[in-house]
Amino acid sequence: MPIYEYRCEECAKLSSILVRSPKSAAAPVCQHCGGTRLKKVMSRVVRLRTHGDVTQEYGIPRPGEPYSDPRQIGTWVERRFESYGMEVPEETRRMIDAARDGELPGPAGDL
């Protein structure tokens, strides 16, 4: 099932539309303004980096070194829990997984 991108000729914003079947696809509608005058555009290609890619590119920081990528924080936390013989709590695991997806947690008050 491909995802096609369209640029709205009314508001000029991009809309990504999942097409279940090209034969029965409905006319695209802008997700921002509801416009129906959309033009198909060439989508950018994105390659997601794996944990291994990040480690290979940045290495694993030594104690006291700054982190170059938020995904490295998860590796440090996992190793700390392992060194104490503890399992990573579920909430911490979710935060590590989010960091590996490139999302940093919000300020401490947002937790």
PDB file of N, CA and C in Angstrom:
ATOM      1  N   MET A   1       0.847  -1.173   0.000  1.00  0.00           N
ATOM      2  CA  MET A   1       0.000   0.000   0.000  1.00  0.00           C
ATOM      3  C   MET A   1       0.897   1.242   0.000  1.00  0.00           C
ATOM      4  N   PRO A   2       0.971   1.923  -1.109  1.00  0.00           N
ATOM      5  CA  PRO A   2       1.837   3.100  -1.174  1.00  0.00           C
ATOM      6  C   PRO A   2       1.226   4.324  -0.516  1.00  0.00           C
ATOM      7  N   ILE A   3       2.111   5.209  -0.114  1.00  0.00           N
ATOM      8  CA  ILE A   3       1.703   6.519   0.398  1.00  0.00           C
ATOM      9  C   ILE A   3       2.160   7.532  -0.645  1.00  0.00           C
ATOM     10  N   TYR A   4       1.215   8.280  -1.174  1.00  0.00           N
ATOM     11  CA  TYR A   4       1.521   9.297  -2.168  1.00  0.00           C
ATOM     12  C   TYR A   4       1.478  10.670  -1.509  1.00  0.00           C
ATOM     13  N   GLU A   5       2.325  11.572  -2.015  1.00  0.00           N
ATOM     14  CA  GLU A   5       2.323  12.951  -1.511  1.00  0.00           C
ATOM     15  C   GLU A   5       1.770  13.867  -2.594  1.00  0.00           C
ATOM     16  N   TYR A   6       0.960  14.816  -2.131  1.00  0.00           N
ATOM     17  CA  TYR A   6       0.340  15.785  -3.023  1.00  0.00           C
ATOM     18  C   TYR A   6       0.556  17.184  -2.459  1.00  0.00           C
ATOM     19  N   ARG A   7       0.724  18.166  -3.365  1.00  0.00           N
ATOM     20  CA  ARG A   7       0.791  19.561  -2.948  1.00  0.00           C
ATOM     21  C   ARG A   7      -0.528  20.207  -3.332  1.00  0.00           C
ATOM     22  N   CYS A   8      -1.140  20.862  -2.363  1.00  0.00           N
ATOM     23  CA  CYS A   8      -2.424  21.522  -2.587  1.00  0.00           C
ATOM     24  C   CYS A   8      -2.183  22.822  -3.354  1.00  0.00           C
ATOM     25  N   GLU A   9      -2.943  23.030  -4.408  1.00  0.00           N
ATOM     26  CA  GLU A   9      -2.816  24.257  -5.194  1.00  0.00           C
ATOM     27  C   GLU A   9      -3.528  25.428  -4.521  1.00  0.00           C
ATOM     28  N   GLU A  10      -4.281  25.166  -3.471  1.00  0.00           N
ATOM     29  CA  GLU A  10      -4.984  26.235  -2.758  1.00  0.00           C
ATOM     30  C   GLU A  10      -4.166  26.763  -1.582  1.00  0.00           C
ATOM     31  N   CYS A  11      -3.598  25.857  -0.755  1.00  0.00           N
ATOM     32  CA  CYS A  11      -2.841  26.307   0.424  1.00  0.00           C
ATOM     33  C   CYS A  11      -1.341  26.026   0.306  1.00  0.00           C
ATOM     34  N   ALA A  12      -0.924  25.311  -0.736  1.00  0.00           N
ATOM     35  CA  ALA A  12       0.481  24.998  -1.027  1.00  0.00           C
ATOM     36  C   ALA A  12       1.131  24.046  -0.019  1.00  0.00           C
ATOM     37  N   LYS A  13       0.337  23.398   0.839  1.00  0.00           N
ATOM     38  CA  LYS A  13       0.897  22.466   1.817  1.00  0.00           C
ATOM     39  C   LYS A  13       0.881  21.048   1.251  1.00  0.00           C
ATOM     40  N   LEU A  14       1.785  20.212   1.811  1.00  0.00           N
ATOM     41  CA  LEU A  14       1.857  18.815   1.400  1.00  0.00           C
ATOM     42  C   LEU A  14       0.890  17.957   2.203  1.00  0.00           C
ATOM     43  N   SER A  15       0.316  16.970   1.536  1.00  0.00           N
ATOM     44  CA  SER A  15      -0.528  15.975   2.194  1.00  0.00           C
ATOM     45  C   SER A  15      -0.014  14.601   1.794  1.00  0.00           C
ATOM     46  N   SER A  16       0.110  13.703   2.760  1.00  0.00           N
ATOM     47  CA  SER A  16       0.497  12.317   2.497  1.00  0.00           C
ATOM     48  C   SER A  16      -0.765  11.473   2.568  1.00  0.00           C
ATOM     49  N   ILE A  17      -1.027  10.711   1.512  1.00  0.00           N
ATOM     50  CA  ILE A  17      -2.283   9.953   1.435  1.00  0.00           C
ATOM     51  C   ILE A  17      -1.977   8.490   1.167  1.00  0.00           C
ATOM     52  N   LEU A  18      -2.472   7.620   2.046  1.00  0.00           N
ATOM     53  CA  LEU A  18      -2.330   6.179   1.904  1.00  0.00           C
ATOM     54  C   LEU A  18      -3.327   5.702   0.854  1.00  0.00           C
ATOM     55  N   VAL A  19      -2.839   4.956  -0.131  1.00  0.00           N
ATOM     56  CA  VAL A  19      -3.702   4.442  -1.189  1.00  0.00           C
ATOM     57  C   VAL A  19      -3.749   2.926  -1.053  1.00  0.00           C
ATOM     58  N   ARG A  20      -4.905   2.424  -0.644  1.00  0.00           N
ATOM     59  CA  ARG A  20      -5.053   0.979  -0.437  1.00  0.00           C
ATOM     60  C   ARG A  20      -5.051   0.221  -1.759  1.00  0.00           C
ATOM     61  N   SER A  21      -5.696   0.786  -2.760  1.00  0.00           N
ATOM     62  CA  SER A  21      -5.750   0.155  -4.074  1.00  0.00           C
ATOM     63  C   SER A  21      -5.804   1.260  -5.127  1.00  0.00           C
ATOM     64  N   PRO A  22      -4.802   1.330  -6.009  1.00  0.00           N
ATOM     65  CA  PRO A  22      -4.804   2.388  -7.023  1.00  0.00           C
ATOM     66  C   PRO A  22      -6.059   2.360  -7.909  1.00  0.00           C
ATOM     67  N   LYS A  23      -6.646   1.186  -8.118  1.00  0.00           N
ATOM     68  CA  LYS A  23      -7.831   1.070  -8.977  1.00  0.00           C
ATOM     69  C   LYS A  23      -9.058   1.711  -8.347  1.00  0.00           C
ATOM     70  N   SER A  24      -9.184   1.618  -7.037  1.00  0.00           N
ATOM     71  CA  SER A  24     -10.376   2.142  -6.368  1.00  0.00           C
ATOM     72  C   SER A  24     -10.078   3.383  -5.521  1.00  0.00           C
ATOM     73  N   ALA A  25      -8.960   4.039  -5.813  1.00  0.00           N
ATOM     74  CA  ALA A  25      -8.569   5.210  -5.018  1.00  0.00           C
ATOM     75  C   ALA A  25      -9.517   6.381  -5.264  1.00  0.00           C
ATOM     76  N   ALA A  26      -9.932   7.013  -4.182  1.00  0.00           N
ATOM     77  CA  ALA A  26     -10.780   8.206  -4.272  1.00  0.00           C
ATOM     78  C   ALA A  26      -9.905   9.407  -4.618  1.00  0.00           C
ATOM     79  N   ALA A  27     -10.520  10.460  -5.099  1.00  0.00           N
ATOM     80  CA  ALA A  27      -9.775  11.673  -5.413  1.00  0.00           C
ATOM     81  C   ALA A  27      -9.150  12.210  -4.124  1.00  0.00           C
ATOM     82  N   PRO A  28      -7.872  12.609  -4.167  1.00  0.00           N
ATOM     83  CA  PRO A  28      -7.214  13.092  -2.951  1.00  0.00           C
ATOM     84  C   PRO A  28      -7.800  14.415  -2.477  1.00  0.00           C
ATOM     85  N   VAL A  29      -7.781  14.596  -1.155  1.00  0.00           N
ATOM     86  CA  VAL A  29      -8.278  15.817  -0.520  1.00  0.00           C
ATOM     87  C   VAL A  29      -7.175  16.335   0.400  1.00  0.00           C
ATOM     88  N   CYS A  30      -6.943  17.641   0.374  1.00  0.00           N
ATOM     89  CA  CYS A  30      -5.914  18.254   1.215  1.00  0.00           C
ATOM     90  C   CYS A  30      -6.244  18.029   2.693  1.00  0.00           C
ATOM     91  N   GLN A  31      -5.255  17.560   3.439  1.00  0.00           N
ATOM     92  CA  GLN A  31      -5.438  17.299   4.868  1.00  0.00           C
ATOM     93  C   GLN A  31      -5.444  18.591   5.684  1.00  0.00           C
ATOM     94  N   HIS A  32      -5.056  19.700   5.069  1.00  0.00           N
ATOM     95  CA  HIS A  32      -4.941  20.961   5.795  1.00  0.00           C
ATOM     96  C   HIS A  32      -6.132  21.892   5.577  1.00  0.00           C
ATOM     97  N   CYS A  33      -6.538  22.045   4.297  1.00  0.00           N
ATOM     98  CA  CYS A  33      -7.611  22.999   4.010  1.00  0.00           C
ATOM     99  C   CYS A  33      -8.848  22.346   3.397  1.00  0.00           C
ATOM    100  N   GLY A  34      -8.750  21.034   3.085  1.00  0.00           N
ATOM    101  CA  GLY A  34      -9.888  20.345   2.489  1.00  0.00           C
ATOM    102  C   GLY A  34     -10.006  20.560   0.987  1.00  0.00           C
ATOM    103  N   GLY A  35      -9.027  21.248   0.397  1.00  0.00           N
ATOM    104  CA  GLY A  35      -9.049  21.513  -1.038  1.00  0.00           C
ATOM    105  C   GLY A  35      -8.960  20.234  -1.861  1.00  0.00           C
ATOM    106  N   THR A  36      -9.457  20.311  -3.078  1.00  0.00           N
ATOM    107  CA  THR A  36      -9.453  19.126  -3.955  1.00  0.00           C
ATOM    108  C   THR A  36      -8.542  19.307  -5.169  1.00  0.00           C
ATOM    109  N   ARG A  37      -7.907  20.462  -5.287  1.00  0.00           N
ATOM    110  CA  ARG A  37      -6.976  20.688  -6.400  1.00  0.00           C
ATOM    111  C   ARG A  37      -5.565  20.355  -5.916  1.00  0.00           C
ATOM    112  N   LEU A  38      -5.212  19.090  -6.013  1.00  0.00           N
ATOM    113  CA  LEU A  38      -3.911  18.628  -5.551  1.00  0.00           C
ATOM    114  C   LEU A  38      -3.108  18.107  -6.729  1.00  0.00           C
ATOM    115  N   LYS A  39      -1.792  18.294  -6.630  1.00  0.00           N
ATOM    116  CA  LYS A  39      -0.889  17.825  -7.666  1.00  0.00           C
ATOM    117  C   LYS A  39       0.101  16.853  -7.023  1.00  0.00           C
ATOM    118  N   LYS A  40       0.261  15.692  -7.641  1.00  0.00           N
ATOM    119  CA  LYS A  40       1.167  14.681  -7.109  1.00  0.00           C
ATOM    120  C   LYS A  40       2.601  15.184  -7.207  1.00  0.00           C
ATOM    121  N   VAL A  41       3.381  14.967  -6.135  1.00  0.00           N
ATOM    122  CA  VAL A  41       4.779  15.386  -6.117  1.00  0.00           C
ATOM    123  C   VAL A  41       5.675  14.189  -5.856  1.00  0.00           C
ATOM    124  N   MET A  42       6.931  14.321  -6.204  1.00  0.00           N
ATOM    125  CA  MET A  42       7.909  13.263  -5.964  1.00  0.00           C
ATOM    126  C   MET A  42       8.255  13.270  -4.480  1.00  0.00           C
ATOM    127  N   SER A  43       8.097  12.145  -3.820  1.00  0.00           N
ATOM    128  CA  SER A  43       8.387  12.039  -2.396  1.00  0.00           C
ATOM    129  C   SER A  43       9.890  11.944  -2.167  1.00  0.00           C
ATOM    130  N   ARG A  44      10.326  12.471  -1.023  1.00  0.00           N
ATOM    131  CA  ARG A  44      11.722  12.319  -0.639  1.00  0.00           C
ATOM    132  C   ARG A  44      11.927  10.909  -0.117  1.00  0.00           C
ATOM    133  N   VAL A  45      13.099  10.380  -0.334  1.00  0.00           N
ATOM    134  CA  VAL A  45      13.445   9.064   0.173  1.00  0.00           C
ATOM    135  C   VAL A  45      14.170   9.249   1.494  1.00  0.00           C
ATOM    136  N   VAL A  46      13.748   8.497   2.498  1.00  0.00           N
ATOM    137  CA  VAL A  46      14.357   8.595   3.812  1.00  0.00           C
ATOM    138  C   VAL A  46      14.869   7.222   4.219  1.00  0.00           C
ATOM    139  N   ARG A  47      16.070   7.206   4.729  1.00  0.00           N
ATOM    140  CA  ARG A  47      16.624   5.964   5.256  1.00  0.00           C
ATOM    141  C   ARG A  47      16.765   6.139   6.757  1.00  0.00           C
ATOM    142  N   LEU A  48      16.066   5.310   7.506  1.00  0.00           N
ATOM    143  CA  LEU A  48      16.163   5.380   8.965  1.00  0.00           C
ATOM    144  C   LEU A  48      17.470   4.756   9.401  1.00  0.00           C
ATOM    145  N   ARG A  49      18.097   5.397  10.351  1.00  0.00           N
ATOM    146  CA  ARG A  49      19.346   4.873  10.870  1.00  0.00           C
ATOM    147  C   ARG A  49      19.059   3.928  12.028  1.00  0.00           C
ATOM    148  N   THR A  50      19.738   2.813  12.024  1.00  0.00           N
ATOM    149  CA  THR A  50      19.578   1.838  13.092  1.00  0.00           C
ATOM    150  C   THR A  50      20.480   2.219  14.266  1.00  0.00           C
ATOM    151  N   HIS A  51      20.271   1.537  15.384  1.00  0.00           N
ATOM    152  CA  HIS A  51      21.118   1.747  16.556  1.00  0.00           C
ATOM    153  C   HIS A  51      22.578   1.458  16.186  1.00  0.00           C
ATOM    154  N   GLY A  52      22.791   0.417  15.392  1.00  0.00           N
ATOM    155  CA  GLY A  52      24.145   0.083  14.951  1.00  0.00           C
ATOM    156  C   GLY A  52      24.771   1.182  14.110  1.00  0.00           C
ATOM    157  N   ASP A  53      23.960   1.818  13.241  1.00  0.00           N
ATOM    158  CA  ASP A  53      24.456   2.928  12.425  1.00  0.00           C
ATOM    159  C   ASP A  53      24.931   4.078  13.313  1.00  0.00           C
ATOM    160  N   VAL A  54      24.135   4.408  14.326  1.00  0.00           N
ATOM    161  CA  VAL A  54      24.478   5.514  15.225  1.00  0.00           C
ATOM    162  C   VAL A  54      25.746   5.184  15.996  1.00  0.00           C
ATOM    163  N   THR A  55      25.836   3.970  16.509  1.00  0.00           N
ATOM    164  CA  THR A  55      27.021   3.562  17.267  1.00  0.00           C
ATOM    165  C   THR A  55      28.256   3.599  16.381  1.00  0.00           C
ATOM    166  N   GLN A  56      28.112   3.126  15.139  1.00  0.00           N
ATOM    167  CA  GLN A  56      29.252   3.129  14.223  1.00  0.00           C
ATOM    168  C   GLN A  56      29.678   4.561  13.887  1.00  0.00           C
ATOM    169  N   GLU A  57      28.712   5.451  13.697  1.00  0.00           N
ATOM    170  CA  GLU A  57      29.031   6.826  13.338  1.00  0.00           C
ATOM    171  C   GLU A  57      29.596   7.626  14.503  1.00  0.00           C
ATOM    172  N   TYR A  58      28.969   7.512  15.679  1.00  0.00           N
ATOM    173  CA  TYR A  58      29.361   8.343  16.817  1.00  0.00           C
ATOM    174  C   TYR A  58      30.170   7.602  17.875  1.00  0.00           C
ATOM    175  N   GLY A  59      30.126   6.280  17.854  1.00  0.00           N
ATOM    176  CA  GLY A  59      30.770   5.503  18.899  1.00  0.00           C
ATOM    177  C   GLY A  59      29.941   5.553  20.175  1.00  0.00           C
ATOM    178  N   ILE A  60      30.453   4.945  21.227  1.00  0.00           N
ATOM    179  CA  ILE A  60      29.765   4.967  22.519  1.00  0.00           C
ATOM    180  C   ILE A  60      30.534   5.934  23.411  1.00  0.00           C
ATOM    181  N   PRO A  61      29.883   6.997  23.866  1.00  0.00           N
ATOM    182  CA  PRO A  61      30.591   7.998  24.677  1.00  0.00           C
ATOM    183  C   PRO A  61      31.162   7.401  25.958  1.00  0.00           C
ATOM    184  N   ARG A  62      32.301   7.896  26.330  1.00  0.00           N
ATOM    185  CA  ARG A  62      32.908   7.501  27.603  1.00  0.00           C
ATOM    186  C   ARG A  62      32.314   8.375  28.698  1.00  0.00           C
ATOM    187  N   PRO A  63      32.376   7.933  29.945  1.00  0.00           N
ATOM    188  CA  PRO A  63      31.841   8.760  31.042  1.00  0.00           C
ATOM    189  C   PRO A  63      32.410  10.174  30.987  1.00  0.00           C
ATOM    190  N   GLY A  64      31.523  11.156  31.094  1.00  0.00           N
ATOM    191  CA  GLY A  64      31.920  12.546  31.073  1.00  0.00           C
ATOM    192  C   GLY A  64      31.912  13.179  29.696  1.00  0.00           C
ATOM    193  N   GLU A  65      31.834  12.359  28.637  1.00  0.00           N
ATOM    194  CA  GLU A  65      31.769  12.910  27.281  1.00  0.00           C
ATOM    195  C   GLU A  65      30.329  13.261  26.938  1.00  0.00           C
ATOM    196  N   PRO A  66      30.123  14.304  26.128  1.00  0.00           N
ATOM    197  CA  PRO A  66      28.747  14.621  25.715  1.00  0.00           C
ATOM    198  C   PRO A  66      28.252  13.613  24.697  1.00  0.00           C
ATOM    199  N   TYR A  67      26.943  13.464  24.625  1.00  0.00           N
ATOM    200  CA  TYR A  67      26.335  12.574  23.655  1.00  0.00           C
ATOM    201  C   TYR A  67      26.149  13.316  22.343  1.00  0.00           C
ATOM    202  N   SER A  68      26.481  12.669  21.252  1.00  0.00           N
ATOM    203  CA  SER A  68      26.333  13.274  19.934  1.00  0.00           C
ATOM    204  C   SER A  68      24.964  12.999  19.341  1.00  0.00           C
ATOM    205  N   ASP A  69      24.274  12.004  19.857  1.00  0.00           N
ATOM    206  CA  ASP A  69      22.987  11.596  19.313  1.00  0.00           C
ATOM    207  C   ASP A  69      22.135  11.083  20.468  1.00  0.00           C
ATOM    208  N   PRO A  70      20.836  11.448  20.534  1.00  0.00           N
ATOM    209  CA  PRO A  70      20.010  11.032  21.678  1.00  0.00           C
ATOM    210  C   PRO A  70      19.877   9.518  21.817  1.00  0.00           C
ATOM    211  N   ARG A  71      20.069   8.787  20.723  1.00  0.00           N
ATOM    212  CA  ARG A  71      19.941   7.328  20.811  1.00  0.00           C
ATOM    213  C   ARG A  71      21.054   6.712  21.638  1.00  0.00           C
ATOM    214  N   GLN A  72      22.174   7.426  21.806  1.00  0.00           N
ATOM    215  CA  GLN A  72      23.267   6.901  22.611  1.00  0.00           C
ATOM    216  C   GLN A  72      22.920   6.883  24.094  1.00  0.00           C
ATOM    217  N   ILE A  73      22.035   7.752  24.504  1.00  0.00           N
ATOM    218  CA  ILE A  73      21.648   7.820  25.908  1.00  0.00           C
ATOM    219  C   ILE A  73      21.046   6.485  26.350  1.00  0.00           C
ATOM    220  N   GLY A  74      20.231   5.894  25.490  1.00  0.00           N
ATOM    221  CA  GLY A  74      19.597   4.616  25.814  1.00  0.00           C
ATOM    222  C   GLY A  74      20.613   3.522  26.076  1.00  0.00           C
ATOM    223  N   THR A  75      21.668   3.468  25.275  1.00  0.00           N
ATOM    224  CA  THR A  75      22.705   2.458  25.478  1.00  0.00           C
ATOM    225  C   THR A  75      23.362   2.641  26.831  1.00  0.00           C
ATOM    226  N   TRP A  76      23.652   3.884  27.199  1.00  0.00           N
ATOM    227  CA  TRP A  76      24.268   4.153  28.497  1.00  0.00           C
ATOM    228  C   TRP A  76      23.349   3.704  29.625  1.00  0.00           C
ATOM    229  N   VAL A  77      22.049   4.044  29.536  1.00  0.00           N
ATOM    230  CA  VAL A  77      21.089   3.677  30.585  1.00  0.00           C
ATOM    231  C   VAL A  77      20.981   2.155  30.693  1.00  0.00           C
ATOM    232  N   GLU A  78      20.865   1.484  29.546  1.00  0.00           N
ATOM    233  CA  GLU A  78      20.775   0.016  29.574  1.00  0.00           C
ATOM    234  C   GLU A  78      21.994  -0.591  30.244  1.00  0.00           C
ATOM    235  N   ARG A  79      23.158  -0.083  29.954  1.00  0.00           N
ATOM    236  CA  ARG A  79      24.384  -0.625  30.564  1.00  0.00           C
ATOM    237  C   ARG A  79      24.428  -0.363  32.063  1.00  0.00           C
ATOM    238  N   ARG A  80      23.914   0.788  32.488  1.00  0.00           N
ATOM    239  CA  ARG A  80      23.885   1.077  33.922  1.00  0.00           C
ATOM    240  C   ARG A  80      22.969   0.105  34.652  1.00  0.00           C
ATOM    241  N   PHE A  81      21.784  -0.109  34.120  1.00  0.00           N
ATOM    242  CA  PHE A  81      20.871  -1.067  34.757  1.00  0.00           C
ATOM    243  C   PHE A  81      21.494  -2.453  34.776  1.00  0.00           C
ATOM    244  N   GLU A  82      22.133  -2.837  33.678  1.00  0.00           N
ATOM    245  CA  GLU A  82      22.777  -4.152  33.595  1.00  0.00           C
ATOM    246  C   GLU A  82      23.883  -4.269  34.640  1.00  0.00           C
ATOM    247  N   SER A  83      24.663  -3.206  34.834  1.00  0.00           N
ATOM    248  CA  SER A  83      25.762  -3.262  35.800  1.00  0.00           C
ATOM    249  C   SER A  83      25.250  -3.419  37.232  1.00  0.00           C
ATOM    250  N   TYR A  84      24.021  -2.957  37.503  1.00  0.00           N
ATOM    251  CA  TYR A  84      23.420  -3.118  38.819  1.00  0.00           C
ATOM    252  C   TYR A  84      22.612  -4.408  38.927  1.00  0.00           C
ATOM    253  N   GLY A  85      22.556  -5.187  37.833  1.00  0.00           N
ATOM    254  CA  GLY A  85      21.811  -6.436  37.847  1.00  0.00           C
ATOM    255  C   GLY A  85      20.306  -6.228  37.867  1.00  0.00           C
ATOM    256  N   MET A  86      19.855  -5.115  37.304  1.00  0.00           N
ATOM    257  CA  MET A  86      18.429  -4.788  37.309  1.00  0.00           C
ATOM    258  C   MET A  86      17.886  -4.786  35.878  1.00  0.00           C
ATOM    259  N   GLU A  87      16.580  -5.054  35.765  1.00  0.00           N
ATOM    260  CA  GLU A  87      15.925  -4.932  34.472  1.00  0.00           C
ATOM    261  C   GLU A  87      15.489  -3.490  34.272  1.00  0.00           C
ATOM    262  N   VAL A  88      15.461  -3.068  33.018  1.00  0.00           N
ATOM    263  CA  VAL A  88      15.047  -1.705  32.691  1.00  0.00           C
ATOM    264  C   VAL A  88      13.538  -1.593  32.899  1.00  0.00           C
ATOM    265  N   PRO A  89      13.068  -0.634  33.722  1.00  0.00           N
ATOM    266  CA  PRO A  89      11.625  -0.458  33.920  1.00  0.00           C
ATOM    267  C   PRO A  89      10.925  -0.128  32.599  1.00  0.00           C
ATOM    268  N   GLU A  90       9.654  -0.490  32.493  1.00  0.00           N
ATOM    269  CA  GLU A  90       8.888  -0.312  31.257  1.00  0.00           C
ATOM    270  C   GLU A  90       8.858   1.142  30.796  1.00  0.00           C
ATOM    271  N   GLU A  91       8.617   2.085  31.714  1.00  0.00           N
ATOM    272  CA  GLU A  91       8.567   3.499  31.336  1.00  0.00           C
ATOM    273  C   GLU A  91       9.921   3.956  30.798  1.00  0.00           C
ATOM    274  N   THR A  92      10.998   3.503  31.421  1.00  0.00           N
ATOM    275  CA  THR A  92      12.337   3.838  30.957  1.00  0.00           C
ATOM    276  C   THR A  92      12.579   3.229  29.585  1.00  0.00           C
ATOM    277  N   ARG A  93      12.116   2.009  29.380  1.00  0.00           N
ATOM    278  CA  ARG A  93      12.253   1.339  28.083  1.00  0.00           C
ATOM    279  C   ARG A  93      11.551   2.151  26.991  1.00  0.00           C
ATOM    280  N   ARG A  94      10.354   2.675  27.291  1.00  0.00           N
ATOM    281  CA  ARG A  94       9.626   3.484  26.299  1.00  0.00           C
ATOM    282  C   ARG A  94      10.415   4.755  25.959  1.00  0.00           C
ATOM    283  N   MET A  95      11.025   5.363  26.970  1.00  0.00           N
ATOM    284  CA  MET A  95      11.815   6.575  26.732  1.00  0.00           C
ATOM    285  C   MET A  95      13.064   6.266  25.902  1.00  0.00           C
ATOM    286  N   ILE A  96      13.698   5.129  26.176  1.00  0.00           N
ATOM    287  CA  ILE A  96      14.873   4.722  25.403  1.00  0.00           C
ATOM    288  C   ILE A  96      14.482   4.490  23.948  1.00  0.00           C
ATOM    289  N   ASP A  97      13.372   3.788  23.732  1.00  0.00           N
ATOM    290  CA  ASP A  97      12.920   3.517  22.369  1.00  0.00           C
ATOM    291  C   ASP A  97      12.590   4.812  21.633  1.00  0.00           C
ATOM    292  N   ALA A  98      11.987   5.776  22.333  1.00  0.00           N
ATOM    293  CA  ALA A  98      11.678   7.078  21.716  1.00  0.00           C
ATOM    294  C   ALA A  98      12.973   7.797  21.347  1.00  0.00           C
ATOM    295  N   ALA A  99      13.974   7.743  22.230  1.00  0.00           N
ATOM    296  CA  ALA A  99      15.261   8.385  21.933  1.00  0.00           C
ATOM    297  C   ALA A  99      15.916   7.742  20.723  1.00  0.00           C
ATOM    298  N   ARG A 100      15.793   6.429  20.603  1.00  0.00           N
ATOM    299  CA  ARG A 100      16.364   5.741  19.445  1.00  0.00           C
ATOM    300  C   ARG A 100      15.639   6.102  18.156  1.00  0.00           C
ATOM    301  N   ASP A 101      14.403   6.546  18.284  1.00  0.00           N
ATOM    302  CA  ASP A 101      13.676   7.031  17.117  1.00  0.00           C
ATOM    303  C   ASP A 101      13.978   8.498  16.853  1.00  0.00           C
ATOM    304  N   GLY A 102      14.900   9.072  17.662  1.00  0.00           N
ATOM    305  CA  GLY A 102      15.316  10.448  17.463  1.00  0.00           C
ATOM    306  C   GLY A 102      14.529  11.463  18.249  1.00  0.00           C
ATOM    307  N   GLU A 103      13.675  11.023  19.173  1.00  0.00           N
ATOM    308  CA  GLU A 103      12.859  11.944  19.963  1.00  0.00           C
ATOM    309  C   GLU A 103      13.469  12.121  21.341  1.00  0.00           C
ATOM    310  N   LEU A 104      13.741  13.355  21.705  1.00  0.00           N
ATOM    311  CA  LEU A 104      14.234  13.624  23.054  1.00  0.00           C
ATOM    312  C   LEU A 104      13.052  13.833  23.979  1.00  0.00           C
ATOM    313  N   PRO A 105      13.133  13.385  25.219  1.00  0.00           N
ATOM    314  CA  PRO A 105      12.053  13.656  26.161  1.00  0.00           C
ATOM    315  C   PRO A 105      11.964  15.165  26.415  1.00  0.00           C
ATOM    316  N   GLY A 106      10.786  15.635  26.754  1.00  0.00           N
ATOM    317  CA  GLY A 106      10.587  17.055  27.050  1.00  0.00           C
ATOM    318  C   GLY A 106      11.251  17.436  28.340  1.00  0.00           C
ATOM    319  N   PRO A 107      11.105  18.699  28.770  1.00  0.00           N
ATOM    320  CA  PRO A 107      11.670  19.140  30.049  1.00  0.00           C
ATOM    321  C   PRO A 107      11.145  18.286  31.198  1.00  0.00           C
ATOM    322  N   ALA A 108      11.856  18.275  32.308  1.00  0.00           N
ATOM    323  CA  ALA A 108      11.517  17.430  33.442  1.00  0.00           C
ATOM    324  C   ALA A 108      10.067  17.619  33.895  1.00  0.00           C
ATOM    325  N   GLY A 109       9.527  18.805  33.754  1.00  0.00           N
ATOM    326  CA  GLY A 109       8.152  19.056  34.174  1.00  0.00           C
ATOM    327  C   GLY A 109       7.125  18.385  33.281  1.00  0.00           C
ATOM    328  N   ASP A 110       7.535  17.932  32.087  1.00  0.00           N
ATOM    329  CA  ASP A 110       6.605  17.300  31.135  1.00  0.00           C
ATOM    330  C   ASP A 110       6.456  15.815  31.383  1.00  0.00           C
ATOM    331  N   LEU A 111       7.285  15.226  32.228  1.00  0.00           N
ATOM    332  CA  LEU A 111       7.261  13.770  32.403  1.00  0.00           C
ATOM    333  C   LEU A 111       6.041  13.295  33.112  1.00  0.00           C
TER     334      LEU A 111
END
